[in-house]
Amino acid sequence: MTNTKARTAAMITPVGQEAQDEARALARDGRAGKAVRRLRKDSWLKRGPAREALELLVDGQELPTSSGRALDALRRLDGPLVGELTALLEGGRQIAAVKLLRERTGIDLAGGYHLVLELGSRPGTR
């Protein structure tokens, strides 16, 4: 059974392309545990989201490789949440935005912080 928050965190946490490619190859070789560790090594993924990320990769999906792409993925997944985050940022409530993002998506603190920074750096985020 898929953990929705873990899946969402996997879909919005940047992971380098090299790590994604290596994890796919390890999974093909039947080394899923090592593949999950490889994904975690170069990202902010926790164990559960890293397992979900590996499932996505094995299914042929790509993970975001930058905060900008992660933000684009979040917009596709939950546009209303991005609107709420934008409103908080416009009100000068960056910490509240990070907390809301973490509560709704299961992303870790560092990933959430960087995603909120990315959102705040884009003009016309609504």
Protein backbone atom coordinates (compact mmCIF):
# COMPACT_ATOMS: atom_id res chain seq x y z
CA MET A 1 0.00 0.00 0.00
CA THR A 2 1.37 3.37 -1.03
CA ASN A 3 1.88 6.04 1.60
CA THR A 4 0.44 9.17 -0.01
CA LYS A 5 2.67 11.62 1.87
CA ALA A 6 5.77 9.55 1.18
CA ARG A 7 4.84 9.36 -2.51
CA THR A 8 4.24 13.12 -2.65
CA ALA A 9 7.54 13.82 -0.88
CA ALA A 10 9.30 11.58 -3.40
CA MET A 11 7.72 13.46 -6.29
CA ILE A 12 8.74 16.92 -5.04
CA THR A 13 12.23 16.27 -3.62
CA PRO A 14 15.08 16.99 -6.03
CA VAL A 15 17.39 14.04 -6.76
CA GLY A 16 20.38 14.33 -9.07
CA GLN A 17 20.15 12.63 -12.44
CA GLU A 18 23.22 10.51 -11.75
CA ALA A 19 21.70 9.18 -8.53
CA GLN A 20 18.45 8.40 -10.36
CA ASP A 21 20.29 6.53 -13.11
CA GLU A 22 22.38 4.55 -10.61
CA ALA A 23 19.32 3.68 -8.52
CA ARG A 24 17.47 2.41 -11.61
CA ALA A 25 20.45 0.22 -12.55
CA LEU A 26 20.76 -1.15 -9.01
CA ALA A 27 17.04 -1.95 -8.91
CA ARG A 28 17.30 -3.77 -12.25
CA ASP A 29 20.09 -5.86 -10.70
CA GLY A 30 17.83 -6.78 -7.78
CA ARG A 31 19.62 -4.50 -5.33
CA ALA A 32 16.68 -2.39 -4.16
CA GLY A 33 18.13 -1.71 -0.71
CA LYS A 34 21.31 -0.29 -2.19
CA ALA A 35 19.26 1.68 -4.71
CA VAL A 36 17.26 3.31 -1.89
CA ARG A 37 20.49 4.15 -0.05
CA ARG A 38 21.89 5.69 -3.24
CA LEU A 39 18.84 7.92 -3.61
CA ARG A 40 19.11 9.03 0.01
CA LYS A 41 22.81 9.77 -0.24
CA ASP A 42 22.47 12.75 -2.60
CA SER A 43 19.06 14.09 -1.63
CA TRP A 44 16.92 15.00 1.35
CA LEU A 45 14.78 11.90 0.98
CA LYS A 46 13.98 9.96 4.10
CA ARG A 47 13.65 6.18 3.98
CA GLY A 48 9.93 5.94 3.13
CA PRO A 49 9.98 8.61 0.42
CA ALA A 50 13.19 7.09 -1.00
CA ARG A 51 11.41 3.75 -1.40
CA GLU A 52 8.53 5.50 -3.13
CA ALA A 53 11.02 7.36 -5.35
CA LEU A 54 12.58 4.07 -6.36
CA GLU A 55 9.13 2.70 -7.28
CA LEU A 56 8.54 5.77 -9.44
CA LEU A 57 11.91 5.34 -11.15
CA VAL A 58 11.33 1.63 -11.78
CA ASP A 59 7.96 2.55 -13.30
CA GLY A 60 9.79 4.81 -15.76
CA GLN A 61 9.02 8.15 -14.17
CA GLU A 62 11.55 10.92 -13.64
CA LEU A 63 12.11 12.70 -10.36
CA PRO A 64 12.84 16.42 -10.22
CA THR A 65 16.52 17.29 -10.42
CA SER A 66 16.25 20.85 -9.09
CA SER A 67 14.12 22.93 -6.74
CA GLY A 68 12.56 24.62 -9.76
CA ARG A 69 11.44 21.31 -11.22
CA ALA A 70 10.26 20.19 -7.79
CA LEU A 71 8.12 23.31 -7.54
CA ASP A 72 6.68 22.62 -10.99
CA ALA A 73 5.82 19.09 -9.82
CA LEU A 74 4.14 20.46 -6.69
CA ARG A 75 2.08 22.84 -8.82
CA ARG A 76 0.87 19.88 -10.91
CA LEU A 77 0.12 17.79 -7.82
CA ASP A 78 -1.52 20.40 -5.61
CA GLY A 79 -2.09 23.84 -7.10
CA PRO A 80 -4.28 25.01 -4.19
CA LEU A 81 -1.47 24.24 -1.74
CA VAL A 82 0.91 26.38 -3.82
CA GLY A 83 -1.66 29.17 -3.59
CA GLU A 84 -1.78 28.86 0.19
CA LEU A 85 2.01 28.84 0.39
CA THR A 86 2.19 31.91 -1.83
CA ALA A 87 -0.29 33.77 0.37
CA LEU A 88 1.78 32.94 3.44
CA LEU A 89 4.95 34.14 1.74
CA GLU A 90 3.26 37.35 0.62
CA GLY A 91 2.33 37.91 4.27
CA GLY A 92 5.95 37.43 5.34
CA ARG A 93 5.26 34.06 6.96
CA GLN A 94 8.02 31.89 5.52
CA ILE A 95 8.24 29.57 8.54
CA ALA A 96 4.47 28.98 8.46
CA ALA A 97 4.78 28.17 4.73
CA VAL A 98 7.48 25.58 5.41
CA LYS A 99 5.40 24.03 8.21
CA LEU A 100 2.29 23.84 6.01
CA LEU A 101 4.25 22.28 3.16
CA ARG A 102 5.74 19.69 5.49
CA GLU A 103 2.36 18.84 7.07
CA ARG A 104 0.63 18.38 3.73
CA THR A 105 3.35 16.59 1.78
CA GLY A 106 5.63 14.81 4.22
CA ILE A 107 8.71 16.50 2.76
CA ASP A 108 11.60 16.89 5.18
CA LEU A 109 12.68 20.21 6.69
CA ALA A 110 15.56 20.95 4.31
CA GLY A 111 13.58 20.01 1.22
CA GLY A 112 10.58 22.03 2.38
CA TYR A 113 12.73 25.04 3.14
CA HIS A 114 14.38 24.99 -0.27
CA LEU A 115 11.07 24.53 -2.04
CA VAL A 116 9.55 27.49 -0.19
CA LEU A 117 12.63 29.58 -1.03
CA GLU A 118 12.20 28.64 -4.69
CA LEU A 119 8.53 29.62 -4.57
CA GLY A 120 9.39 32.94 -2.92
CA SER A 121 12.05 33.73 -5.51
CA ARG A 122 9.68 33.43 -8.46
CA PRO A 123 7.80 36.59 -9.38
CA GLY A 124 4.06 36.18 -9.79
CA THR A 125 3.91 32.84 -8.02
CA ARG A 126 0.12 32.69 -8.06
